[in-house]
Amino acid sequence: MKKLLVLLIFTTLFIQCKKEESKPIELGLVTDKAMVVSAREEASKIGVDILRQGGTAFDAMIATDLALVVAYPFSGNITGGGFMVYRTKDGKTGALDYREKAPIAATRDMYLDENGDVIIDLSTKGALAVGVPGTVAGLFAVHEKFGTLPFKTLIQPAIDLARKGVVVTKKQEARIAEYEHLFTEVNGKKTLLNNGWKENDTIKHLQLATTFERIRDHGKDGFYKGKTAEIFVNHLQKNGGIMTLEDLEKYEAKWRKPLTFQYKDLTITSMTLPSSGSICLAQILKSIEPYDIVKMGQNSPKYVQLLTEAERRAYADRAHFLGDIDFVDVPVDSLIDAVYIKNRMSDFTWDKAGNSDDISHGKIIGYESEETTHYSIVDQFGNAVSVTTTLNGAYGSKVYIEELGTFVNNQMDDFSVKPGIPNMFGLVGNEANSIASEKRMLSSMTPTIVEQDGKLKMVVGTPGGSTIITSVLQNILNVTQFDMGMQESVSSPRFHHQWLPDNIRLEPNSFDEATKKRLLELGYELDESASTVIGKVDAILVLPNGQLEGGADPRGDDTADGF
C-alpha cells in the first residue's frame, strides 16, 4: 500500500512539473454556434446581436461593417472599399469586389510633375488622392443577394452607437495622437478627432449618424445620390479633387469568382483580382509544398528562409503581372501552374540568401503599415464570410468631411503612380497597375476561407498593407501544419518579405537570437525597426467537435464574440 501511495505521489508531482515546464496554450473564445471577430468589441457585439435575432453571417457582415465605421475610424469606412469571400452552409463559395475605382477624369501621369517625377504626397494626402468609394454599394449588393433582415434593422445599431458614442481605448488614444497634426495640416482646421482625446473619453459621431440615417431612409441612393453625394463631391472639388457626381452614380460592386486552389489536403478560397492576395498566397504555398516544414519547425531559420525565398518570387511577379483584371490580361493560370512554380524555385539554395536584384532590378526602400481592417464571421446556420475593408492609409487621405462625419480614402496611391516607384507600403508596380479612368487599383487584401475534407476549417484575414498576404499565409500554416489553436496562432510572432526592399521584416523582440544570427550568416538583411505590427489577424477556427474558436489579435483592440 505504501509503495502504491509513493508511486501515486511521484506520478502526480511528475505531471505537475511537466505542466509547469510546458508553455501554457493560449486559448481564444470558444462558442458552440456562431462567432464574429473584428477590430473592436462594439462591432463584434453588434454583429453577434444580429445573429441572435436570427440573421445570417451576411446580415451580420453588414451590421459589423457599419459599426466599425463608428468604432474604428482608423480604417472602418463608408468612403473606402473592400472585398468579401464567402462560403454558404451548403459549401458554395463566391466573392464580392467593392474596391474603389479611379475617377473618370483620372489620368496615367496625374501625380507626376513636368519632369515626370512623382510629386510627393499628392497620391497619399488630400482630395486628389481619393478613389470612388465602393463600401456602401458593396453592403447593398450583399443585402440584395443574401440579406434576410431589413437593411434598416442592420444599420440602426451603428446609428445608435454613433449617437451614444464610443469609449476611447488606450491604443486608440495613441493612434489618434499620432495623426492629429496631419488632420490639421490637410483640413486646415481642427476636426472631430483633433480634441486631445484620452483613454476612457467618449467620442460621439453625430454627423455620421445623420449620414447613416440618409442611407437608412434612401438606400444606396442615400450615399451615391442626393445630399450626401453633393456634400462629398463639393468638398473634394473645393479642395483640388476631380471626383464628380457621375463617378458616384456609376459605381457598382462586382460579384466575382474567387480563386480556389489546393495545398496538401486543404482547399483554400481567396479573393481574386484586383486583389493580388490569392495569387501570391497560392504561389507561396505551392512553392513550399515539396518541403517538410513541420520537420523544420515553426519560425526556425530554415522555415523563415524557405518562406522568404518563396515570398520574394511571388511579390516580384505581383509587381510585373498583376492589375485590374477588367483592364489587364493577367495570366493567372500560368502564374500558379506547378511547372512554373517549380522553375521559379529552381535557383533556390539553402547555402545563402537570395538576391532581389537577380530576380528584377533596383533596390527601393519603402515602409509598412497596418491601416486596413478585417473581420471574420461564422453563423449558426454554417455560413461563413471573410471581409477586408480599408481607407488605405490610416484615416485615409486625412480629408475629413465634417458635414458627413467621416474621413475619406487615399486609395489612388495603390496604383503604380509611376512604374518602378514604390507606393506608401513600399510595393513596386508596373504598367499592369498604372492609373486609368474607372480602373480598380491593385490590392493586397486577402480575405480567405479554408476547407479540409469538404468541411469549413478556417475563416481568416488581416489588415497590414503588403504584409496581409504573408500574415494570412503564416496563420494557415500555424494551424494546419503546426497544430496551433486559433488564438495561439494569431498571437504568434510573424515575419515578412516582399521582394523590394530586400530584407526580412521581423516583429521586434519576437525571434530568438540564434535564428537571427543564422539568417544574418546566410546573408539576409533583417529589419526589426520599421514596423511593430505585421498584420492584425482576426480569424475563426472550426474545432474537431464543431465548436468555434476565435483568434482576436492582441496587437490591437480586436475582440471575438459569439454564442
Protein backbone atom coordinates (compact mmCIF):
# COMPACT_ATOMS: atom_id res chain seq x y z
CA MET A 1 0.00 0.00 0.00
CA LYS A 2 2.85 2.37 0.92
CA LYS A 3 4.57 1.59 -2.41
CA LEU A 4 1.36 2.43 -4.29
CA LEU A 5 0.98 5.69 -2.36
CA VAL A 6 4.58 6.71 -3.09
CA LEU A 7 4.06 5.88 -6.77
CA LEU A 8 0.91 8.00 -6.92
CA ILE A 9 2.63 10.95 -5.26
CA PHE A 10 5.63 10.66 -7.57
CA THR A 11 3.38 10.45 -10.65
CA THR A 12 1.37 13.48 -9.53
CA LEU A 13 4.50 15.54 -8.91
CA PHE A 14 5.94 14.47 -12.27
CA ILE A 15 2.79 15.54 -14.12
CA GLN A 16 2.72 18.88 -12.26
CA CYS A 17 6.38 19.51 -13.09
CA LYS A 18 5.78 18.72 -16.76
CA LYS A 19 2.86 21.15 -16.82
CA GLU A 20 4.97 23.85 -15.22
CA GLU A 21 7.75 23.27 -17.75
CA SER A 22 5.48 23.39 -20.78
CA LYS A 23 4.24 26.71 -22.12
CA PRO A 24 0.51 27.18 -21.49
CA ILE A 25 -1.56 27.17 -24.64
CA GLU A 26 -3.34 30.46 -25.30
CA LEU A 27 -6.98 29.67 -25.98
CA GLY A 28 -9.35 32.11 -27.64
CA LEU A 29 -13.08 32.44 -27.10
CA VAL A 30 -14.84 29.14 -27.83
CA THR A 31 -18.52 29.09 -28.75
CA ASP A 32 -20.97 26.43 -29.86
CA LYS A 33 -22.84 28.06 -32.73
CA ALA A 34 -21.75 31.46 -34.04
CA MET A 35 -18.93 33.98 -33.84
CA VAL A 36 -17.78 37.40 -35.01
CA VAL A 37 -14.15 38.54 -34.68
CA SER A 38 -13.37 42.16 -35.53
CA ALA A 39 -11.15 45.10 -34.67
CA ARG A 40 -13.46 46.45 -31.94
CA GLU A 41 -15.59 44.96 -29.20
CA GLU A 42 -18.54 47.16 -30.12
CA ALA A 43 -18.58 45.93 -33.73
CA SER A 44 -18.25 42.25 -32.80
CA LYS A 45 -21.09 42.58 -30.29
CA ILE A 46 -23.38 44.28 -32.80
CA GLY A 47 -22.67 41.55 -35.35
CA VAL A 48 -23.46 38.84 -32.79
CA ASP A 49 -26.67 40.63 -31.76
CA ILE A 50 -27.84 40.40 -35.38
CA LEU A 51 -27.06 36.66 -35.38
CA ARG A 52 -29.05 36.26 -32.14
CA GLN A 53 -32.02 37.87 -33.90
CA GLY A 54 -31.89 35.07 -36.47
CA GLY A 55 -29.82 36.93 -39.04
CA THR A 56 -27.19 35.18 -41.15
CA ALA A 57 -23.47 35.82 -41.49
CA PHE A 58 -24.33 38.13 -44.39
CA ASP A 59 -26.67 40.21 -42.25
CA ALA A 60 -24.04 40.32 -39.52
CA MET A 61 -21.44 41.36 -42.09
CA ILE A 62 -23.44 44.50 -42.92
CA ALA A 63 -24.06 45.41 -39.29
CA THR A 64 -20.45 44.74 -38.25
CA ASP A 65 -19.08 46.76 -41.15
CA LEU A 66 -21.23 49.78 -40.32
CA ALA A 67 -20.36 49.55 -36.62
CA LEU A 68 -16.65 49.65 -37.49
CA VAL A 69 -17.20 52.98 -39.27
CA VAL A 70 -18.14 54.41 -35.89
CA ALA A 71 -15.90 52.48 -33.52
CA TYR A 72 -12.80 52.22 -35.72
CA PRO A 73 -12.49 55.32 -37.98
CA PHE A 74 -8.80 54.44 -38.39
CA SER A 75 -9.95 52.23 -41.29
CA GLY A 76 -13.63 51.36 -40.82
CA ASN A 77 -15.44 53.27 -43.53
CA ILE A 78 -18.32 54.10 -45.84
CA THR A 79 -15.96 56.07 -48.05
CA GLY A 80 -13.45 53.31 -48.84
CA GLY A 81 -13.85 49.82 -50.27
CA GLY A 82 -13.08 46.17 -49.76
CA PHE A 83 -13.57 42.51 -50.62
CA MET A 84 -15.72 39.72 -49.26
CA VAL A 85 -15.17 35.99 -49.71
CA TYR A 86 -17.99 33.72 -48.56
CA ARG A 87 -18.91 30.08 -48.13
CA THR A 88 -22.58 29.18 -47.73
CA LYS A 89 -23.85 26.43 -45.47
CA ASP A 90 -24.09 24.08 -48.47
CA GLY A 91 -20.45 24.66 -49.43
CA LYS A 92 -20.87 27.14 -52.29
CA THR A 93 -18.23 29.87 -52.44
CA GLY A 94 -18.14 33.30 -54.02
CA ALA A 95 -16.62 36.75 -53.76
CA LEU A 96 -17.67 40.38 -53.91
CA ASP A 97 -15.40 43.16 -55.17
CA TYR A 98 -16.32 46.60 -53.89
CA ARG A 99 -12.84 48.00 -54.35
CA GLU A 100 -12.58 51.73 -55.09
CA LYS A 101 -12.11 52.96 -58.67
CA ALA A 102 -10.19 55.79 -60.26
CA PRO A 103 -12.42 58.77 -61.09
CA ILE A 104 -13.44 59.20 -64.73
CA ALA A 105 -11.07 62.17 -65.05
CA ALA A 106 -8.06 60.25 -63.71
CA THR A 107 -5.01 60.01 -65.98
CA ARG A 108 -1.91 57.85 -66.03
CA ASP A 109 0.53 60.63 -65.05
CA MET A 110 -1.71 62.69 -62.78
CA TYR A 111 0.75 62.57 -59.87
CA LEU A 112 3.87 63.47 -61.88
CA ASP A 113 5.44 66.90 -62.41
CA GLU A 114 6.58 68.38 -65.73
CA ASN A 115 9.81 66.38 -65.47
CA GLY A 116 7.99 63.11 -64.99
CA ASP A 117 8.91 62.85 -61.32
CA VAL A 118 6.44 61.85 -58.61
CA ILE A 119 5.02 64.80 -56.67
CA ILE A 120 5.49 63.84 -53.02
CA ASP A 121 2.29 63.20 -51.01
CA LEU A 122 -0.08 64.03 -53.87
CA SER A 123 -1.38 60.46 -54.11
CA THR A 124 -1.50 59.93 -50.34
CA LYS A 125 -2.77 63.15 -48.76
CA GLY A 126 -5.60 65.45 -49.76
CA ALA A 127 -8.59 65.40 -52.10
CA LEU A 128 -6.75 64.29 -55.24
CA ALA A 129 -5.79 61.01 -53.54
CA VAL A 130 -9.41 59.88 -53.22
CA GLY A 131 -10.80 56.97 -55.24
CA VAL A 132 -14.51 56.45 -55.93
CA PRO A 133 -15.80 54.65 -52.81
CA GLY A 134 -17.36 51.20 -53.01
CA THR A 135 -18.26 50.22 -49.44
CA VAL A 136 -21.91 51.28 -49.42
CA ALA A 137 -22.52 49.68 -52.83
CA GLY A 138 -20.90 46.51 -51.50
CA LEU A 139 -23.13 46.36 -48.44
CA PHE A 140 -26.28 46.80 -50.52
CA ALA A 141 -25.09 44.17 -53.02
CA VAL A 142 -24.68 41.69 -50.14
CA HIS A 143 -28.11 42.58 -48.77
CA GLU A 144 -29.81 42.25 -52.14
CA LYS A 145 -28.35 38.78 -52.73
CA PHE A 146 -28.23 37.28 -49.23
CA GLY A 147 -29.92 39.59 -46.72
CA THR A 148 -32.71 38.16 -44.57
CA LEU A 149 -33.33 41.04 -42.14
CA PRO A 150 -34.37 44.54 -43.31
CA PHE A 151 -31.45 46.86 -44.06
CA LYS A 152 -32.91 49.37 -41.60
CA THR A 153 -32.51 46.76 -38.86
CA LEU A 154 -28.88 46.23 -39.82
CA ILE A 155 -27.85 49.91 -39.91
CA GLN A 156 -29.76 51.09 -36.83
CA PRO A 157 -27.23 49.71 -34.28
CA ALA A 158 -24.48 51.77 -35.94
CA ILE A 159 -26.69 54.87 -35.82
CA ASP A 160 -27.38 54.28 -32.13
CA LEU A 161 -23.68 53.69 -31.44
CA ALA A 162 -22.73 56.92 -33.25
CA ARG A 163 -25.19 58.95 -31.17
CA LYS A 164 -24.32 57.23 -27.90
CA GLY A 165 -20.60 57.49 -28.56
CA VAL A 166 -17.59 55.20 -28.42
CA VAL A 167 -15.24 54.97 -25.46
CA VAL A 168 -11.60 55.63 -26.41
CA THR A 169 -9.19 52.79 -25.65
CA LYS A 170 -5.54 53.24 -24.74
CA LYS A 171 -4.43 52.02 -28.18
CA GLN A 172 -6.94 54.29 -29.92
CA GLU A 173 -5.68 57.28 -27.93
CA ALA A 174 -2.18 56.57 -29.24
CA ARG A 175 -3.38 56.20 -32.84
CA ILE A 176 -5.28 59.49 -32.80
CA ALA A 177 -2.38 61.35 -31.19
CA GLU A 178 0.00 60.08 -33.87
CA TYR A 179 -2.07 61.54 -36.72
CA GLU A 180 -3.63 64.66 -35.18
CA HIS A 181 -1.10 67.01 -36.78
CA LEU A 182 -1.94 65.60 -40.21
CA PHE A 183 -5.67 66.13 -39.67
CA THR A 184 -4.97 69.82 -39.12
CA GLU A 185 -2.46 70.03 -41.96
CA VAL A 186 -4.79 68.51 -44.55
CA ASN A 187 -8.06 70.07 -43.42
CA GLY A 188 -6.70 73.46 -42.41
CA LYS A 189 -8.55 73.30 -39.11
CA LYS A 190 -9.33 71.00 -36.23
CA THR A 191 -11.69 68.08 -36.86
CA LEU A 192 -13.70 65.82 -34.59
CA LEU A 193 -10.61 63.79 -33.70
CA ASN A 194 -8.43 66.87 -33.00
CA ASN A 195 -9.64 67.24 -29.44
CA GLY A 196 -6.83 65.66 -27.47
CA TRP A 197 -8.93 62.57 -26.80
CA LYS A 198 -7.74 60.39 -23.93
CA GLU A 199 -8.45 56.85 -22.81
CA ASN A 200 -11.99 56.46 -21.41
CA ASP A 201 -13.25 59.62 -23.14
CA THR A 202 -16.42 59.18 -25.21
CA ILE A 203 -16.50 60.34 -28.85
CA LYS A 204 -19.96 60.95 -30.30
CA HIS A 205 -20.27 60.86 -34.09
CA LEU A 206 -23.45 62.90 -34.57
CA GLN A 207 -22.86 63.99 -38.19
CA LEU A 208 -22.05 60.42 -39.14
CA ALA A 209 -25.30 59.28 -37.53
CA THR A 210 -27.19 61.71 -39.76
CA THR A 211 -25.32 60.41 -42.83
CA PHE A 212 -26.29 56.86 -41.83
CA GLU A 213 -29.93 57.93 -41.49
CA ARG A 214 -29.97 59.16 -45.09
CA ILE A 215 -28.63 55.75 -46.17
CA ARG A 216 -31.21 54.02 -43.95
CA ASP A 217 -34.07 56.04 -45.43
CA HIS A 218 -32.98 56.21 -49.09
CA GLY A 219 -30.93 53.05 -49.56
CA LYS A 220 -27.87 53.05 -51.81
CA ASP A 221 -29.03 56.36 -53.33
CA GLY A 222 -28.73 57.87 -49.86
CA PHE A 223 -24.98 57.79 -50.41
CA TYR A 224 -24.36 57.82 -54.17
CA LYS A 225 -27.02 60.44 -54.99
CA GLY A 226 -28.74 63.34 -53.28
CA LYS A 227 -27.46 65.38 -50.35
CA THR A 228 -24.65 63.06 -49.21
CA ALA A 229 -23.24 62.76 -52.72
CA GLU A 230 -23.38 66.51 -53.26
CA ILE A 231 -21.62 67.26 -49.96
CA PHE A 232 -18.99 64.61 -50.74
CA VAL A 233 -18.19 65.80 -54.27
CA ASN A 234 -18.38 69.53 -53.48
CA HIS A 235 -15.92 69.14 -50.62
CA LEU A 236 -13.43 67.21 -52.73
CA GLN A 237 -13.65 69.56 -55.70
CA LYS A 238 -13.29 72.60 -53.47
CA ASN A 239 -10.03 71.10 -52.19
CA GLY A 240 -8.49 70.09 -55.50
CA GLY A 241 -10.20 66.74 -56.16
CA ILE A 242 -11.53 65.54 -59.53
CA MET A 243 -14.42 63.33 -58.47
CA THR A 244 -17.87 64.11 -59.88
CA LEU A 245 -21.45 63.14 -59.15
CA GLU A 246 -21.28 60.95 -62.26
CA ASP A 247 -18.41 58.98 -60.68
CA LEU A 248 -20.58 58.18 -57.67
CA GLU A 249 -23.72 57.37 -59.67
CA LYS A 250 -21.84 54.98 -61.98
CA TYR A 251 -20.15 52.95 -59.24
CA GLU A 252 -21.17 49.28 -58.98
CA ALA A 253 -19.87 46.43 -56.83
CA LYS A 254 -18.97 43.27 -58.77
CA TRP A 255 -19.58 39.64 -57.92
CA ARG A 256 -16.50 37.65 -58.91
CA LYS A 257 -15.38 34.05 -58.90
CA PRO A 258 -12.77 33.66 -56.16
CA LEU A 259 -9.53 31.79 -56.75
CA THR A 260 -9.67 28.29 -55.25
CA PHE A 261 -6.60 26.08 -55.04
CA GLN A 262 -5.21 23.08 -53.15
CA TYR A 263 -2.41 22.94 -50.62
CA LYS A 264 -1.88 19.38 -49.41
CA ASP A 265 -5.26 18.32 -48.01
CA LEU A 266 -6.61 21.88 -47.81
CA THR A 267 -8.92 23.68 -50.21
CA ILE A 268 -8.22 27.39 -50.00
CA THR A 269 -10.58 30.02 -51.39
CA SER A 270 -9.37 33.61 -51.53
CA MET A 271 -10.09 36.91 -53.25
CA THR A 272 -9.24 37.21 -56.92
CA LEU A 273 -8.01 40.28 -58.80
CA PRO A 274 -7.91 43.20 -58.31
CA SER A 275 -6.71 41.62 -55.06
CA SER A 276 -3.28 40.13 -55.52
CA GLY A 277 -3.71 38.10 -52.33
CA SER A 278 -4.99 34.81 -53.70
CA ILE A 279 -2.41 34.54 -56.49
CA CYS A 280 0.52 35.37 -54.20
CA LEU A 281 -0.82 33.06 -51.50
CA ALA A 282 -1.17 30.21 -54.00
CA GLN A 283 2.31 30.80 -55.40
CA ILE A 284 3.95 30.80 -51.97
CA LEU A 285 2.14 27.71 -50.71
CA LYS A 286 2.82 25.77 -53.90
CA SER A 287 6.48 26.83 -53.73
CA ILE A 288 6.95 25.41 -50.23
CA GLU A 289 4.73 22.33 -50.64
CA PRO A 290 7.59 19.96 -51.61
CA TYR A 291 9.40 20.70 -48.34
CA ASP A 292 8.80 19.21 -44.90
CA ILE A 293 8.15 22.40 -42.97
CA VAL A 294 6.88 20.52 -39.90
CA LYS A 295 10.28 18.91 -39.51
CA MET A 296 11.93 22.33 -39.85
CA GLY A 297 9.83 23.80 -37.04
CA GLN A 298 7.75 26.95 -36.97
CA ASN A 299 9.88 30.13 -37.21
CA SER A 300 13.14 28.16 -37.35
CA PRO A 301 15.94 29.57 -39.55
CA LYS A 302 15.16 27.10 -42.35
CA TYR A 303 11.43 27.84 -42.17
CA VAL A 304 11.99 31.61 -42.33
CA GLN A 305 14.46 31.16 -45.19
CA LEU A 306 12.15 28.98 -47.26
CA LEU A 307 9.13 31.23 -46.88
CA THR A 308 11.24 34.30 -47.56
CA GLU A 309 12.50 32.93 -50.86
CA ALA A 310 9.01 31.89 -51.94
CA GLU A 311 7.67 35.32 -50.97
CA ARG A 312 10.49 37.07 -52.85
CA ARG A 313 9.42 35.42 -56.11
CA ALA A 314 5.68 35.87 -55.57
CA TYR A 315 5.98 39.60 -54.85
CA ALA A 316 8.24 40.08 -57.87
CA ASP A 317 5.52 38.52 -60.03
CA ARG A 318 2.94 40.69 -58.31
CA ALA A 319 4.82 43.81 -59.37
CA HIS A 320 5.15 42.76 -63.00
CA PHE A 321 1.93 40.98 -63.89
CA LEU A 322 -0.98 41.93 -61.65
CA GLY A 323 -3.64 44.61 -62.05
CA ASP A 324 -7.39 45.08 -62.53
CA ILE A 325 -8.48 42.01 -64.48
CA ASP A 326 -11.15 44.10 -66.23
CA PHE A 327 -8.37 46.17 -67.80
CA VAL A 328 -5.37 43.84 -67.97
CA ASP A 329 -4.98 40.31 -69.33
CA VAL A 330 -3.37 38.57 -66.34
CA PRO A 331 -2.05 35.01 -66.87
CA VAL A 332 -3.49 33.70 -63.60
CA ASP A 333 -3.43 30.00 -64.51
CA SER A 334 0.17 30.24 -65.68
CA LEU A 335 1.31 32.05 -62.53
CA ILE A 336 0.06 29.27 -60.25
CA ASP A 337 0.95 26.38 -62.56
CA ALA A 338 3.06 23.68 -60.89
CA VAL A 339 5.73 23.69 -63.62
CA TYR A 340 6.02 27.48 -63.49
CA ILE A 341 6.33 27.42 -59.70
CA LYS A 342 8.99 24.70 -59.87
CA ASN A 343 11.00 26.75 -62.35
CA ARG A 344 10.70 29.86 -60.19
CA MET A 345 12.18 27.98 -57.22
CA SER A 346 14.84 26.15 -59.24
CA ASP A 347 17.62 28.56 -58.22
CA PHE A 348 16.75 28.40 -54.52
CA THR A 349 19.60 27.20 -52.31
CA TRP A 350 19.92 26.63 -48.58
CA ASP A 351 23.51 27.89 -48.71
CA LYS A 352 22.87 31.62 -48.93
CA ALA A 353 20.26 34.34 -49.14
CA GLY A 354 18.65 35.05 -52.47
CA ASN A 355 19.03 38.50 -54.01
CA SER A 356 16.12 40.51 -55.40
CA ASP A 357 18.50 42.11 -57.90
CA ASP A 358 18.79 38.68 -59.51
CA ILE A 359 15.02 38.47 -59.94
CA SER A 360 14.46 42.03 -61.03
CA HIS A 361 16.31 45.31 -60.91
CA GLY A 362 16.61 48.08 -58.39
CA LYS A 363 16.61 48.32 -54.62
CA ILE A 364 13.93 50.59 -53.30
CA ILE A 365 13.21 51.49 -49.71
CA GLY A 366 9.60 51.54 -48.55
CA TYR A 367 7.81 51.14 -45.26
CA GLU A 368 4.99 49.13 -43.82
CA SER A 369 1.60 49.93 -42.40
CA GLU A 370 -1.37 48.10 -40.95
CA GLU A 371 -4.07 50.58 -41.93
CA THR A 372 -6.90 48.32 -43.02
CA THR A 373 -9.37 46.23 -41.05
CA HIS A 374 -10.62 42.66 -41.30
CA TYR A 375 -13.42 40.69 -39.71
CA SER A 376 -14.47 37.04 -39.83
CA ILE A 377 -17.96 35.66 -39.21
CA VAL A 378 -19.46 32.18 -38.92
CA ASP A 379 -23.20 31.94 -38.23
CA GLN A 380 -25.37 29.32 -36.53
CA PHE A 381 -26.50 28.02 -39.93
CA GLY A 382 -22.98 27.23 -41.20
CA ASN A 383 -22.44 30.26 -43.46
CA ALA A 384 -19.04 31.98 -43.30
CA VAL A 385 -17.79 35.35 -44.52
CA SER A 386 -14.29 36.80 -44.61
CA VAL A 387 -14.16 40.56 -45.19
CA THR A 388 -11.29 43.01 -45.50
CA THR A 389 -12.05 46.71 -45.94
CA THR A 390 -9.90 49.83 -45.97
CA LEU A 391 -9.39 53.55 -46.41
CA ASN A 392 -5.82 52.58 -47.45
CA GLY A 393 -3.74 54.80 -45.14
CA ALA A 394 -4.57 55.49 -41.51
CA TYR A 395 -7.68 57.69 -41.66
CA GLY A 396 -7.27 57.54 -45.45
CA SER A 397 -6.31 60.79 -47.17
CA LYS A 398 -6.75 62.59 -43.80
CA VAL A 399 -9.50 64.59 -45.52
CA TYR A 400 -12.38 64.86 -43.03
CA ILE A 401 -15.79 65.94 -44.34
CA GLU A 402 -17.37 67.47 -41.26
CA GLU A 403 -20.94 67.53 -42.62
CA LEU A 404 -20.75 63.78 -43.24
CA GLY A 405 -18.74 62.95 -40.13
CA THR A 406 -16.21 60.84 -41.98
CA PHE A 407 -12.68 60.60 -43.33
CA VAL A 408 -12.22 59.60 -46.98
CA ASN A 409 -9.80 57.17 -48.62
CA ASN A 410 -6.43 57.72 -50.30
CA GLN A 411 -6.77 54.60 -52.40
CA MET A 412 -5.31 56.15 -55.55
CA ASP A 413 -1.86 55.50 -54.07
CA ASP A 414 -2.42 51.78 -54.60
CA PHE A 415 -1.98 52.32 -58.33
CA SER A 416 1.51 52.40 -59.79
CA VAL A 417 1.78 56.18 -59.72
CA LYS A 418 4.93 55.69 -61.76
CA PRO A 419 6.16 52.22 -62.83
CA GLY A 420 9.07 51.10 -60.64
CA ILE A 421 8.38 53.63 -57.88
CA PRO A 422 7.03 52.21 -54.60
CA ASN A 423 3.72 53.22 -53.04
CA MET A 424 3.29 54.07 -49.35
CA PHE A 425 3.65 50.37 -48.47
CA GLY A 426 6.93 50.03 -50.35
CA LEU A 427 5.24 47.94 -53.05
CA VAL A 428 6.52 48.37 -56.58
CA GLY A 429 4.15 48.12 -59.54
CA ASN A 430 4.39 48.08 -63.31
CA GLU A 431 2.21 49.03 -66.27
CA ALA A 432 -0.42 46.44 -65.33
CA ASN A 433 -1.35 48.58 -62.33
CA SER A 434 -0.97 52.01 -63.93
CA ILE A 435 -3.73 54.60 -63.47
CA ALA A 436 -6.64 54.62 -65.92
CA SER A 437 -10.11 56.12 -65.89
CA GLU A 438 -12.56 53.95 -63.86
CA LYS A 439 -9.93 51.28 -63.20
CA ARG A 440 -9.69 49.44 -59.88
CA MET A 441 -6.33 49.66 -58.15
CA LEU A 442 -4.39 46.52 -57.16
CA SER A 443 -4.74 45.41 -53.55
CA SER A 444 -3.04 43.06 -51.09
CA MET A 445 -6.24 42.38 -49.13
CA THR A 446 -6.63 38.61 -48.75
CA PRO A 447 -9.92 37.54 -47.17
CA THR A 448 -9.67 33.75 -47.14
CA ILE A 449 -11.67 30.63 -46.29
CA VAL A 450 -10.02 27.25 -45.73
CA GLU A 451 -11.73 23.86 -46.04
CA GLN A 452 -10.48 20.43 -45.04
CA ASP A 453 -12.17 17.17 -46.04
CA GLY A 454 -15.01 19.16 -47.58
CA LYS A 455 -15.79 20.96 -44.33
CA LEU A 456 -15.21 24.52 -43.17
CA LYS A 457 -11.87 24.76 -41.33
CA MET A 458 -10.86 28.42 -41.02
CA VAL A 459 -12.05 31.93 -41.80
CA VAL A 460 -9.05 34.25 -41.84
CA GLY A 461 -7.79 37.64 -42.92
CA THR A 462 -5.94 40.69 -41.69
CA PRO A 463 -5.02 44.31 -42.30
CA GLY A 464 -1.37 45.14 -42.84
CA GLY A 465 -0.73 46.59 -46.30
CA SER A 466 1.71 44.35 -48.14
CA THR A 467 2.08 42.13 -45.04
CA ILE A 468 -1.52 40.95 -45.37
CA ILE A 469 -0.62 38.08 -47.69
CA THR A 470 2.23 36.75 -45.56
CA SER A 471 0.24 37.11 -42.32
CA VAL A 472 -2.64 35.07 -43.74
CA LEU A 473 -0.12 32.54 -45.06
CA GLN A 474 1.59 32.04 -41.69
CA ASN A 475 -1.68 31.64 -39.82
CA ILE A 476 -2.89 28.96 -42.22
CA LEU A 477 0.39 27.10 -41.72
CA ASN A 478 0.39 27.63 -37.94
CA VAL A 479 -2.98 25.95 -37.57
CA THR A 480 -2.88 23.25 -40.24
CA GLN A 481 0.80 22.25 -40.16
CA PHE A 482 1.90 23.11 -36.61
CA ASP A 483 -1.35 22.16 -34.82
CA MET A 484 -1.83 25.53 -33.14
CA GLY A 485 -5.16 26.76 -31.87
CA MET A 486 -6.58 29.91 -33.45
CA GLN A 487 -5.67 32.34 -30.69
CA GLU A 488 -2.25 30.76 -30.25
CA SER A 489 -1.64 31.15 -33.97
CA VAL A 490 -2.84 34.73 -34.16
CA SER A 491 -0.65 35.73 -31.20
CA SER A 492 2.43 34.01 -32.64
CA PRO A 493 5.30 36.20 -33.97
CA ARG A 494 5.29 36.90 -37.70
CA PHE A 495 7.82 37.86 -40.38
CA HIS A 496 7.57 39.26 -43.88
CA HIS A 497 9.44 39.65 -47.17
CA GLN A 498 8.08 41.43 -50.24
CA TRP A 499 10.86 41.34 -52.88
CA LEU A 500 11.65 45.04 -52.50
CA PRO A 501 13.03 46.29 -50.16
CA ASP A 502 15.23 43.21 -49.95
CA ASN A 503 15.01 42.49 -46.23
CA ILE A 504 13.14 40.23 -43.83
CA ARG A 505 10.87 42.22 -41.57
CA LEU A 506 10.62 40.66 -38.12
CA GLU A 507 8.31 41.62 -35.31
CA PRO A 508 10.66 43.26 -32.77
CA ASN A 509 11.73 41.20 -29.75
CA SER A 510 9.91 38.14 -31.06
CA PHE A 511 12.55 35.92 -32.71
CA ASP A 512 15.36 34.20 -30.84
CA GLU A 513 18.95 35.33 -31.26
CA ALA A 514 20.10 32.01 -32.73
CA THR A 515 17.57 32.29 -35.57
CA LYS A 516 18.55 35.87 -36.32
CA LYS A 517 22.25 35.01 -36.19
CA ARG A 518 21.83 32.16 -38.68
CA LEU A 519 19.83 34.33 -41.10
CA LEU A 520 22.48 37.02 -40.94
CA GLU A 521 25.18 34.41 -41.62
CA LEU A 522 23.30 33.38 -44.76
CA GLY A 523 23.35 36.96 -45.97
CA TYR A 524 19.84 38.16 -45.15
CA GLU A 525 19.23 41.73 -44.05
CA LEU A 526 16.91 41.86 -41.04
CA ASP A 527 14.62 44.74 -40.12
CA GLU A 528 13.02 44.87 -36.68
CA SER A 529 12.57 48.63 -36.56
CA ALA A 530 10.27 49.83 -39.32
CA SER A 531 7.04 48.32 -38.01
CA THR A 532 5.96 46.93 -34.68
CA VAL A 533 2.95 45.20 -36.20
CA ILE A 534 2.83 42.78 -39.11
CA GLY A 535 -0.89 42.33 -39.64
CA LYS A 536 -3.67 42.14 -37.05
CA VAL A 537 -5.32 38.83 -37.79
CA ASP A 538 -8.95 38.18 -36.87
CA ALA A 539 -9.85 34.56 -37.56
CA ILE A 540 -12.15 31.69 -36.65
CA LEU A 541 -11.21 28.00 -36.43
CA VAL A 542 -13.75 25.19 -36.54
CA LEU A 543 -12.67 22.69 -33.89
CA PRO A 544 -12.96 18.91 -34.41
CA ASN A 545 -16.11 18.81 -32.25
CA GLY A 546 -17.78 21.55 -34.33
CA GLN A 547 -17.23 24.34 -31.83
CA LEU A 548 -15.70 27.64 -32.95
CA GLU A 549 -12.50 29.19 -31.58
CA GLY A 550 -11.85 32.85 -32.22
CA GLY A 551 -8.44 34.36 -32.72
CA ALA A 552 -8.58 38.10 -31.92
CA ASP A 553 -5.25 39.79 -32.48
CA PRO A 554 -3.76 41.12 -29.21
CA ARG A 555 -1.80 43.70 -31.20
CA GLY A 556 -4.99 45.79 -31.33
CA ASP A 557 -8.31 46.13 -29.52
CA ASP A 558 -9.62 43.19 -31.53
CA THR A 559 -12.38 41.11 -29.93
CA ALA A 560 -14.20 37.84 -30.53
CA ASP A 561 -17.85 37.50 -29.55
CA GLY A 562 -20.41 34.79 -30.10
CA PHE A 563 -22.74 32.21 -28.64
